[in-house]
Amino acid sequence: MWYAYHKHYLIIGENMKNELKGFNFADELHKIDDMLVCSKEDFLYSYSYLDENDYEETRKFIIELMKNYYKQNNIKADVETYEENENEKI
């Protein structure tokens, strides 16, 4: 049996990966810091209870936060190029 802490509650069990599909962890700055300095593969290996969908949901959430911040604060940012690149992935 193992324990993991996520978003203000304790999860106990072996099937944690199945129970937490598709959430973002944008409120966990230590994970965001790791996300910025590690490759996706290394990050997911380190946080084995997260999957690629969790990683992508968080990445998209952070990008949307940044785009909104830029817009609200009249900061010029190359959002169009980012959106073009994102559309090419689909």
PDB file of N, CA and C in Angstrom:
ATOM      1  N   MET A   1       0.846  -1.171   0.000  1.00  0.00           N
ATOM      2  CA  MET A   1       0.000   0.000   0.000  1.00  0.00           C
ATOM      3  C   MET A   1       0.890   1.233   0.000  1.00  0.00           C
ATOM      4  N   TRP A   2       0.500   2.251  -0.745  1.00  0.00           N
ATOM      5  CA  TRP A   2       1.253   3.493  -0.784  1.00  0.00           C
ATOM      6  C   TRP A   2       0.303   4.668  -0.659  1.00  0.00           C
ATOM      7  N   TYR A   3       0.864   5.836  -0.436  1.00  0.00           N
ATOM      8  CA  TYR A   3       0.078   7.040  -0.217  1.00  0.00           C
ATOM      9  C   TYR A   3       0.535   8.119  -1.191  1.00  0.00           C
ATOM     10  N   ALA A   4      -0.379   8.951  -1.621  1.00  0.00           N
ATOM     11  CA  ALA A   4      -0.027  10.103  -2.453  1.00  0.00           C
ATOM     12  C   ALA A   4      -0.926  11.261  -2.071  1.00  0.00           C
ATOM     13  N   TYR A   5      -0.363  12.434  -2.074  1.00  0.00           N
ATOM     14  CA  TYR A   5      -1.107  13.626  -1.718  1.00  0.00           C
ATOM     15  C   TYR A   5      -1.423  14.396  -2.982  1.00  0.00           C
ATOM     16  N   HIS A   6      -2.668  14.761  -3.163  1.00  0.00           N
ATOM     17  CA  HIS A   6      -3.048  15.565  -4.314  1.00  0.00           C
ATOM     18  C   HIS A   6      -4.199  16.490  -3.954  1.00  0.00           C
ATOM     19  N   LYS A   7      -3.981  17.784  -4.194  1.00  0.00           N
ATOM     20  CA  LYS A   7      -5.035  18.793  -4.047  1.00  0.00           C
ATOM     21  C   LYS A   7      -5.811  18.673  -2.750  1.00  0.00           C
ATOM     22  N   HIS A   8      -5.124  18.693  -1.655  1.00  0.00           N
ATOM     23  CA  HIS A   8      -5.726  18.792  -0.334  1.00  0.00           C
ATOM     24  C   HIS A   8      -6.413  17.522   0.154  1.00  0.00           C
ATOM     25  N   TYR A   9      -6.140  16.404  -0.415  1.00  0.00           N
ATOM     26  CA  TYR A   9      -6.670  15.169   0.139  1.00  0.00           C
ATOM     27  C   TYR A   9      -5.682  14.036  -0.083  1.00  0.00           C
ATOM     28  N   LEU A  10      -5.813  13.045   0.732  1.00  0.00           N
ATOM     29  CA  LEU A  10      -4.905  11.907   0.688  1.00  0.00           C
ATOM     30  C   LEU A  10      -5.569  10.773  -0.079  1.00  0.00           C
ATOM     31  N   ILE A  11      -4.823  10.201  -0.996  1.00  0.00           N
ATOM     32  CA  ILE A  11      -5.334   9.074  -1.765  1.00  0.00           C
ATOM     33  C   ILE A  11      -4.516   7.849  -1.388  1.00  0.00           C
ATOM     34  N   ILE A  12      -5.203   6.787  -1.076  1.00  0.00           N
ATOM     35  CA  ILE A  12      -4.542   5.549  -0.676  1.00  0.00           C
ATOM     36  C   ILE A  12      -4.995   4.456  -1.633  1.00  0.00           C
ATOM     37  N   GLY A  13      -4.043   3.722  -2.169  1.00  0.00           N
ATOM     38  CA  GLY A  13      -4.448   2.591  -2.995  1.00  0.00           C
ATOM     39  C   GLY A  13      -3.503   2.280  -4.120  1.00  0.00           C
ATOM     40  N   GLU A  14      -3.833   1.223  -4.829  1.00  0.00           N
ATOM     41  CA  GLU A  14      -3.018   0.760  -5.937  1.00  0.00           C
ATOM     42  C   GLU A  14      -3.544   1.248  -7.276  1.00  0.00           C
ATOM     43  N   ASN A  15      -4.777   1.721  -7.338  1.00  0.00           N
ATOM     44  CA  ASN A  15      -5.382   2.115  -8.610  1.00  0.00           C
ATOM     45  C   ASN A  15      -5.473   3.626  -8.765  1.00  0.00           C
ATOM     46  N   MET A  16      -4.567   4.331  -8.157  1.00  0.00           N
ATOM     47  CA  MET A  16      -4.629   5.780  -8.191  1.00  0.00           C
ATOM     48  C   MET A  16      -4.602   6.318  -9.613  1.00  0.00           C
ATOM     49  N   LYS A  17      -3.796   5.752 -10.475  1.00  0.00           N
ATOM     50  CA  LYS A  17      -3.687   6.262 -11.831  1.00  0.00           C
ATOM     51  C   LYS A  17      -5.050   6.253 -12.522  1.00  0.00           C
ATOM     52  N   ASN A  18      -5.845   5.239 -12.306  1.00  0.00           N
ATOM     53  CA  ASN A  18      -7.167   5.156 -12.920  1.00  0.00           C
ATOM     54  C   ASN A  18      -8.150   6.145 -12.302  1.00  0.00           C
ATOM     55  N   GLU A  19      -7.963   6.487 -11.040  1.00  0.00           N
ATOM     56  CA  GLU A  19      -8.891   7.370 -10.344  1.00  0.00           C
ATOM     57  C   GLU A  19      -8.686   8.841 -10.680  1.00  0.00           C
ATOM     58  N   LEU A  20      -7.523   9.220 -11.170  1.00  0.00           N
ATOM     59  CA  LEU A  20      -7.198  10.632 -11.353  1.00  0.00           C
ATOM     60  C   LEU A  20      -6.972  11.004 -12.813  1.00  0.00           C
ATOM     61  N   LYS A  21      -7.595  10.385 -13.732  1.00  0.00           N
ATOM     62  CA  LYS A  21      -7.383  10.679 -15.149  1.00  0.00           C
ATOM     63  C   LYS A  21      -7.873  12.081 -15.504  1.00  0.00           C
ATOM     64  N   GLY A  22      -7.051  12.812 -16.253  1.00  0.00           N
ATOM     65  CA  GLY A  22      -7.474  14.046 -16.871  1.00  0.00           C
ATOM     66  C   GLY A  22      -7.566  15.274 -15.994  1.00  0.00           C
ATOM     67  N   PHE A  23      -6.820  15.361 -14.942  1.00  0.00           N
ATOM     68  CA  PHE A  23      -6.838  16.571 -14.136  1.00  0.00           C
ATOM     69  C   PHE A  23      -5.599  17.393 -14.443  1.00  0.00           C
ATOM     70  N   ASN A  24      -5.611  18.653 -14.049  1.00  0.00           N
ATOM     71  CA  ASN A  24      -4.381  19.423 -14.179  1.00  0.00           C
ATOM     72  C   ASN A  24      -3.821  19.672 -12.788  1.00  0.00           C
ATOM     73  N   PHE A  25      -2.537  19.856 -12.737  1.00  0.00           N
ATOM     74  CA  PHE A  25      -1.841  20.068 -11.465  1.00  0.00           C
ATOM     75  C   PHE A  25      -1.204  21.450 -11.438  1.00  0.00           C
ATOM     76  N   ALA A  26      -1.847  22.412 -12.070  1.00  0.00           N
ATOM     77  CA  ALA A  26      -1.288  23.757 -12.182  1.00  0.00           C
ATOM     78  C   ALA A  26      -1.161  24.464 -10.841  1.00  0.00           C
ATOM     79  N   ASP A  27      -1.844  23.982  -9.813  1.00  0.00           N
ATOM     80  CA  ASP A  27      -1.734  24.599  -8.491  1.00  0.00           C
ATOM     81  C   ASP A  27      -0.616  23.984  -7.657  1.00  0.00           C
ATOM     82  N   GLU A  28       0.154  23.086  -8.241  1.00  0.00           N
ATOM     83  CA  GLU A  28       1.262  22.439  -7.532  1.00  0.00           C
ATOM     84  C   GLU A  28       2.576  22.908  -8.151  1.00  0.00           C
ATOM     85  N   LEU A  29       3.093  24.016  -7.630  1.00  0.00           N
ATOM     86  CA  LEU A  29       4.223  24.689  -8.259  1.00  0.00           C
ATOM     87  C   LEU A  29       5.490  23.836  -8.319  1.00  0.00           C
ATOM     88  N   HIS A  30       5.671  22.941  -7.383  1.00  0.00           N
ATOM     89  CA  HIS A  30       6.863  22.091  -7.453  1.00  0.00           C
ATOM     90  C   HIS A  30       6.793  21.190  -8.689  1.00  0.00           C
ATOM     91  N   LYS A  31       5.594  20.779  -9.077  1.00  0.00           N
ATOM     92  CA  LYS A  31       5.449  19.970 -10.289  1.00  0.00           C
ATOM     93  C   LYS A  31       5.633  20.834 -11.537  1.00  0.00           C
ATOM     94  N   ILE A  32       5.118  22.043 -11.499  1.00  0.00           N
ATOM     95  CA  ILE A  32       5.294  22.949 -12.638  1.00  0.00           C
ATOM     96  C   ILE A  32       6.777  23.232 -12.838  1.00  0.00           C
ATOM     97  N   ASP A  33       7.489  23.455 -11.752  1.00  0.00           N
ATOM     98  CA  ASP A  33       8.928  23.675 -11.842  1.00  0.00           C
ATOM     99  C   ASP A  33       9.617  22.473 -12.485  1.00  0.00           C
ATOM    100  N   ASP A  34       9.278  21.274 -12.041  1.00  0.00           N
ATOM    101  CA  ASP A  34       9.850  20.065 -12.637  1.00  0.00           C
ATOM    102  C   ASP A  34       9.463  19.938 -14.104  1.00  0.00           C
ATOM    103  N   MET A  35       8.233  20.308 -14.414  1.00  0.00           N
ATOM    104  CA  MET A  35       7.746  20.232 -15.788  1.00  0.00           C
ATOM    105  C   MET A  35       8.577  21.127 -16.712  1.00  0.00           C
ATOM    106  N   LEU A  36       8.993  22.275 -16.195  1.00  0.00           N
ATOM    107  CA  LEU A  36       9.764  23.223 -16.999  1.00  0.00           C
ATOM    108  C   LEU A  36      11.206  22.786 -17.225  1.00  0.00           C
ATOM    109  N   VAL A  37      11.760  22.014 -16.315  1.00  0.00           N
ATOM    110  CA  VAL A  37      13.174  21.652 -16.442  1.00  0.00           C
ATOM    111  C   VAL A  37      13.410  20.215 -16.919  1.00  0.00           C
ATOM    112  N   CYS A  38      12.376  19.404 -16.920  1.00  0.00           N
ATOM    113  CA  CYS A  38      12.520  17.994 -17.317  1.00  0.00           C
ATOM    114  C   CYS A  38      11.878  17.759 -18.677  1.00  0.00           C
ATOM    115  N   SER A  39      12.350  16.741 -19.352  1.00  0.00           N
ATOM    116  CA  SER A  39      11.632  16.310 -20.552  1.00  0.00           C
ATOM    117  C   SER A  39      10.294  15.725 -20.119  1.00  0.00           C
ATOM    118  N   LYS A  40       9.363  15.646 -21.035  1.00  0.00           N
ATOM    119  CA  LYS A  40       8.053  15.069 -20.720  1.00  0.00           C
ATOM    120  C   LYS A  40       8.224  13.641 -20.216  1.00  0.00           C
ATOM    121  N   GLU A  41       9.081  12.881 -20.861  1.00  0.00           N
ATOM    122  CA  GLU A  41       9.297  11.490 -20.476  1.00  0.00           C
ATOM    123  C   GLU A  41       9.865  11.376 -19.059  1.00  0.00           C
ATOM    124  N   ASP A  42      10.861  12.208 -18.741  1.00  0.00           N
ATOM    125  CA  ASP A  42      11.445  12.183 -17.400  1.00  0.00           C
ATOM    126  C   ASP A  42      10.432  12.619 -16.344  1.00  0.00           C
ATOM    127  N   PHE A  43       9.658  13.635 -16.674  1.00  0.00           N
ATOM    128  CA  PHE A  43       8.642  14.115 -15.738  1.00  0.00           C
ATOM    129  C   PHE A  43       7.630  13.009 -15.440  1.00  0.00           C
ATOM    130  N   LEU A  44       7.103  12.384 -16.479  1.00  0.00           N
ATOM    131  CA  LEU A  44       6.102  11.336 -16.276  1.00  0.00           C
ATOM    132  C   LEU A  44       6.684  10.117 -15.576  1.00  0.00           C
ATOM    133  N   TYR A  45       7.958   9.866 -15.781  1.00  0.00           N
ATOM    134  CA  TYR A  45       8.614   8.774 -15.060  1.00  0.00           C
ATOM    135  C   TYR A  45       8.709   9.119 -13.569  1.00  0.00           C
ATOM    136  N   SER A  46       9.053  10.364 -13.272  1.00  0.00           N
ATOM    137  CA  SER A  46       9.185  10.799 -11.876  1.00  0.00           C
ATOM    138  C   SER A  46       7.852  10.811 -11.144  1.00  0.00           C
ATOM    139  N   TYR A  47       6.807  11.180 -11.862  1.00  0.00           N
ATOM    140  CA  TYR A  47       5.460  11.216 -11.291  1.00  0.00           C
ATOM    141  C   TYR A  47       4.639  10.116 -11.966  1.00  0.00           C
ATOM    142  N   SER A  48       4.941   8.901 -11.626  1.00  0.00           N
ATOM    143  CA  SER A  48       4.364   7.750 -12.331  1.00  0.00           C
ATOM    144  C   SER A  48       2.847   7.633 -12.171  1.00  0.00           C
ATOM    145  N   TYR A  49       2.275   8.311 -11.188  1.00  0.00           N
ATOM    146  CA  TYR A  49       0.831   8.270 -11.008  1.00  0.00           C
ATOM    147  C   TYR A  49       0.111   9.244 -11.941  1.00  0.00           C
ATOM    148  N   LEU A  50       0.869  10.072 -12.666  1.00  0.00           N
ATOM    149  CA  LEU A  50       0.289  10.963 -13.673  1.00  0.00           C
ATOM    150  C   LEU A  50       0.463  10.315 -15.043  1.00  0.00           C
ATOM    151  N   ASP A  51      -0.415  10.664 -15.958  1.00  0.00           N
ATOM    152  CA  ASP A  51      -0.250  10.150 -17.311  1.00  0.00           C
ATOM    153  C   ASP A  51      -0.100  11.319 -18.288  1.00  0.00           C
ATOM    154  N   GLU A  52       0.079  10.999 -19.545  1.00  0.00           N
ATOM    155  CA  GLU A  52       0.305  12.028 -20.553  1.00  0.00           C
ATOM    156  C   GLU A  52      -0.872  12.987 -20.656  1.00  0.00           C
ATOM    157  N   ASN A  53      -2.075  12.505 -20.467  1.00  0.00           N
ATOM    158  CA  ASN A  53      -3.252  13.366 -20.503  1.00  0.00           C
ATOM    159  C   ASN A  53      -3.194  14.416 -19.386  1.00  0.00           C
ATOM    160  N   ASP A  54      -2.786  14.018 -18.187  1.00  0.00           N
ATOM    161  CA  ASP A  54      -2.637  14.960 -17.071  1.00  0.00           C
ATOM    162  C   ASP A  54      -1.608  16.033 -17.422  1.00  0.00           C
ATOM    163  N   TYR A  55      -0.498  15.601 -17.998  1.00  0.00           N
ATOM    164  CA  TYR A  55       0.574  16.509 -18.407  1.00  0.00           C
ATOM    165  C   TYR A  55       0.047  17.511 -19.440  1.00  0.00           C
ATOM    166  N   GLU A  56      -0.644  17.018 -20.457  1.00  0.00           N
ATOM    167  CA  GLU A  56      -1.157  17.876 -21.522  1.00  0.00           C
ATOM    168  C   GLU A  56      -2.244  18.819 -21.023  1.00  0.00           C
ATOM    169  N   GLU A  57      -3.116  18.339 -20.141  1.00  0.00           N
ATOM    170  CA  GLU A  57      -4.153  19.206 -19.570  1.00  0.00           C
ATOM    171  C   GLU A  57      -3.516  20.363 -18.805  1.00  0.00           C
ATOM    172  N   THR A  58      -2.467  20.077 -18.072  1.00  0.00           N
ATOM    173  CA  THR A  58      -1.771  21.115 -17.311  1.00  0.00           C
ATOM    174  C   THR A  58      -1.072  22.085 -18.243  1.00  0.00           C
ATOM    175  N   ARG A  59      -0.399  21.568 -19.255  1.00  0.00           N
ATOM    176  CA  ARG A  59       0.293  22.425 -20.224  1.00  0.00           C
ATOM    177  C   ARG A  59      -0.704  23.369 -20.885  1.00  0.00           C
ATOM    178  N   LYS A  60      -1.839  22.853 -21.329  1.00  0.00           N
ATOM    179  CA  LYS A  60      -2.861  23.681 -21.980  1.00  0.00           C
ATOM    180  C   LYS A  60      -3.431  24.719 -21.012  1.00  0.00           C
ATOM    181  N   PHE A  61      -3.659  24.322 -19.771  1.00  0.00           N
ATOM    182  CA  PHE A  61      -4.179  25.231 -18.755  1.00  0.00           C
ATOM    183  C   PHE A  61      -3.212  26.395 -18.532  1.00  0.00           C
ATOM    184  N   ILE A  62      -1.931  26.094 -18.422  1.00  0.00           N
ATOM    185  CA  ILE A  62      -0.916  27.132 -18.198  1.00  0.00           C
ATOM    186  C   ILE A  62      -0.821  28.070 -19.397  1.00  0.00           C
ATOM    187  N   ILE A  63      -0.861  27.518 -20.593  1.00  0.00           N
ATOM    188  CA  ILE A  63      -0.818  28.350 -21.798  1.00  0.00           C
ATOM    189  C   ILE A  63      -2.012  29.301 -21.828  1.00  0.00           C
ATOM    190  N   GLU A  64      -3.195  28.807 -21.504  1.00  0.00           N
ATOM    191  CA  GLU A  64      -4.380  29.671 -21.476  1.00  0.00           C
ATOM    192  C   GLU A  64      -4.249  30.763 -20.416  1.00  0.00           C
ATOM    193  N   LEU A  65      -3.691  30.416 -19.250  1.00  0.00           N
ATOM    194  CA  LEU A  65      -3.458  31.434 -18.215  1.00  0.00           C
ATOM    195  C   LEU A  65      -2.524  32.524 -18.728  1.00  0.00           C
ATOM    196  N   MET A  66      -1.460  32.110 -19.392  1.00  0.00           N
ATOM    197  CA  MET A  66      -0.490  33.079 -19.910  1.00  0.00           C
ATOM    198  C   MET A  66      -1.115  33.953 -20.999  1.00  0.00           C
ATOM    199  N   LYS A  67      -1.865  33.348 -21.900  1.00  0.00           N
ATOM    200  CA  LYS A  67      -2.519  34.130 -22.960  1.00  0.00           C
ATOM    201  C   LYS A  67      -3.472  35.153 -22.359  1.00  0.00           C
ATOM    202  N   ASN A  68      -4.251  34.755 -21.363  1.00  0.00           N
ATOM    203  CA  ASN A  68      -5.172  35.692 -20.698  1.00  0.00           C
ATOM    204  C   ASN A  68      -4.412  36.798 -19.977  1.00  0.00           C
ATOM    205  N   TYR A  69      -3.326  36.431 -19.322  1.00  0.00           N
ATOM    206  CA  TYR A  69      -2.505  37.428 -18.623  1.00  0.00           C
ATOM    207  C   TYR A  69      -1.949  38.453 -19.611  1.00  0.00           C
ATOM    208  N   TYR A  70      -1.416  37.963 -20.723  1.00  0.00           N
ATOM    209  CA  TYR A  70      -0.883  38.879 -21.739  1.00  0.00           C
ATOM    210  C   TYR A  70      -1.971  39.826 -22.234  1.00  0.00           C
ATOM    211  N   LYS A  71      -3.137  39.286 -22.520  1.00  0.00           N
ATOM    212  CA  LYS A  71      -4.235  40.086 -23.047  1.00  0.00           C
ATOM    213  C   LYS A  71      -4.696  41.130 -22.029  1.00  0.00           C
ATOM    214  N   GLN A  72      -4.874  40.716 -20.783  1.00  0.00           N
ATOM    215  CA  GLN A  72      -5.362  41.621 -19.740  1.00  0.00           C
ATOM    216  C   GLN A  72      -4.372  42.733 -19.427  1.00  0.00           C
ATOM    217  N   ASN A  73      -3.088  42.455 -19.617  1.00  0.00           N
ATOM    218  CA  ASN A  73      -2.054  43.429 -19.273  1.00  0.00           C
ATOM    219  C   ASN A  73      -1.435  44.091 -20.495  1.00  0.00           C
ATOM    220  N   ASN A  74      -2.085  43.942 -21.642  1.00  0.00           N
ATOM    221  CA  ASN A  74      -1.614  44.551 -22.893  1.00  0.00           C
ATOM    222  C   ASN A  74      -0.153  44.237 -23.180  1.00  0.00           C
ATOM    223  N   ILE A  75       0.217  43.006 -22.961  1.00  0.00           N
ATOM    224  CA  ILE A  75       1.586  42.558 -23.248  1.00  0.00           C
ATOM    225  C   ILE A  75       1.591  41.925 -24.630  1.00  0.00           C
ATOM    226  N   LYS A  76       2.479  42.410 -25.468  1.00  0.00           N
ATOM    227  CA  LYS A  76       2.571  41.839 -26.807  1.00  0.00           C
ATOM    228  C   LYS A  76       3.262  40.478 -26.710  1.00  0.00           C
ATOM    229  N   ALA A  77       2.611  39.488 -27.267  1.00  0.00           N
ATOM    230  CA  ALA A  77       3.153  38.129 -27.262  1.00  0.00           C
ATOM    231  C   ALA A  77       2.788  37.471 -28.583  1.00  0.00           C
ATOM    232  N   ASP A  78       3.612  36.570 -29.023  1.00  0.00           N
ATOM    233  CA  ASP A  78       3.410  35.889 -30.298  1.00  0.00           C
ATOM    234  C   ASP A  78       2.459  34.711 -30.122  1.00  0.00           C
ATOM    235  N   VAL A  79       1.220  35.024 -29.801  1.00  0.00           N
ATOM    236  CA  VAL A  79       0.200  34.005 -29.561  1.00  0.00           C
ATOM    237  C   VAL A  79      -0.179  33.313 -30.866  1.00  0.00           C
ATOM    238  N   GLU A  80      -0.184  34.070 -31.967  1.00  0.00           N
ATOM    239  CA  GLU A  80      -0.588  33.491 -33.251  1.00  0.00           C
ATOM    240  C   GLU A  80       0.323  32.342 -33.668  1.00  0.00           C
ATOM    241  N   THR A  81       1.629  32.499 -33.519  1.00  0.00           N
ATOM    242  CA  THR A  81       2.557  31.430 -33.874  1.00  0.00           C
ATOM    243  C   THR A  81       2.338  30.206 -33.004  1.00  0.00           C
ATOM    244  N   TYR A  82       2.099  30.420 -31.722  1.00  0.00           N
ATOM    245  CA  TYR A  82       1.818  29.294 -30.829  1.00  0.00           C
ATOM    246  C   TYR A  82       0.574  28.550 -31.316  1.00  0.00           C
ATOM    247  N   GLU A  83      -0.478  29.301 -31.626  1.00  0.00           N
ATOM    248  CA  GLU A  83      -1.723  28.657 -32.066  1.00  0.00           C
ATOM    249  C   GLU A  83      -1.546  27.930 -33.387  1.00  0.00           C
ATOM    250  N   GLU A  84      -0.752  28.490 -34.292  1.00  0.00           N
ATOM    251  CA  GLU A  84      -0.461  27.800 -35.557  1.00  0.00           C
ATOM    252  C   GLU A  84       0.243  26.476 -35.300  1.00  0.00           C
ATOM    253  N   ASN A  85       1.231  26.499 -34.419  1.00  0.00           N
ATOM    254  CA  ASN A  85       1.970  25.272 -34.088  1.00  0.00           C
ATOM    255  C   ASN A  85       1.087  24.249 -33.405  1.00  0.00           C
ATOM    256  N   GLU A  86       0.192  24.704 -32.538  1.00  0.00           N
ATOM    257  CA  GLU A  86      -0.731  23.793 -31.862  1.00  0.00           C
ATOM    258  C   GLU A  86      -1.670  23.143 -32.867  1.00  0.00           C
ATOM    259  N   ASN A  87      -2.149  23.909 -33.819  1.00  0.00           N
ATOM    260  CA  ASN A  87      -3.057  23.374 -34.829  1.00  0.00           C
ATOM    261  C   ASN A  87      -2.377  22.347 -35.724  1.00  0.00           C
ATOM    262  N   GLU A  88      -1.078  22.503 -35.939  1.00  0.00           N
ATOM    263  CA  GLU A  88      -0.339  21.542 -36.748  1.00  0.00           C
ATOM    264  C   GLU A  88      -0.212  20.197 -36.044  1.00  0.00           C
ATOM    265  N   LYS A  89      -0.249  20.175 -34.717  1.00  0.00           N
ATOM    266  CA  LYS A  89      -0.141  18.932 -33.955  1.00  0.00           C
ATOM    267  C   LYS A  89      -1.390  18.075 -34.087  1.00  0.00           C
ATOM    268  N   ILE A  90      -2.514  18.723 -34.341  1.00  0.00           N
ATOM    269  CA  ILE A  90      -3.790  18.012 -34.379  1.00  0.00           C
ATOM    270  C   ILE A  90      -3.956  17.189 -35.614  1.00  0.00           C
TER     271      ILE A  90
END
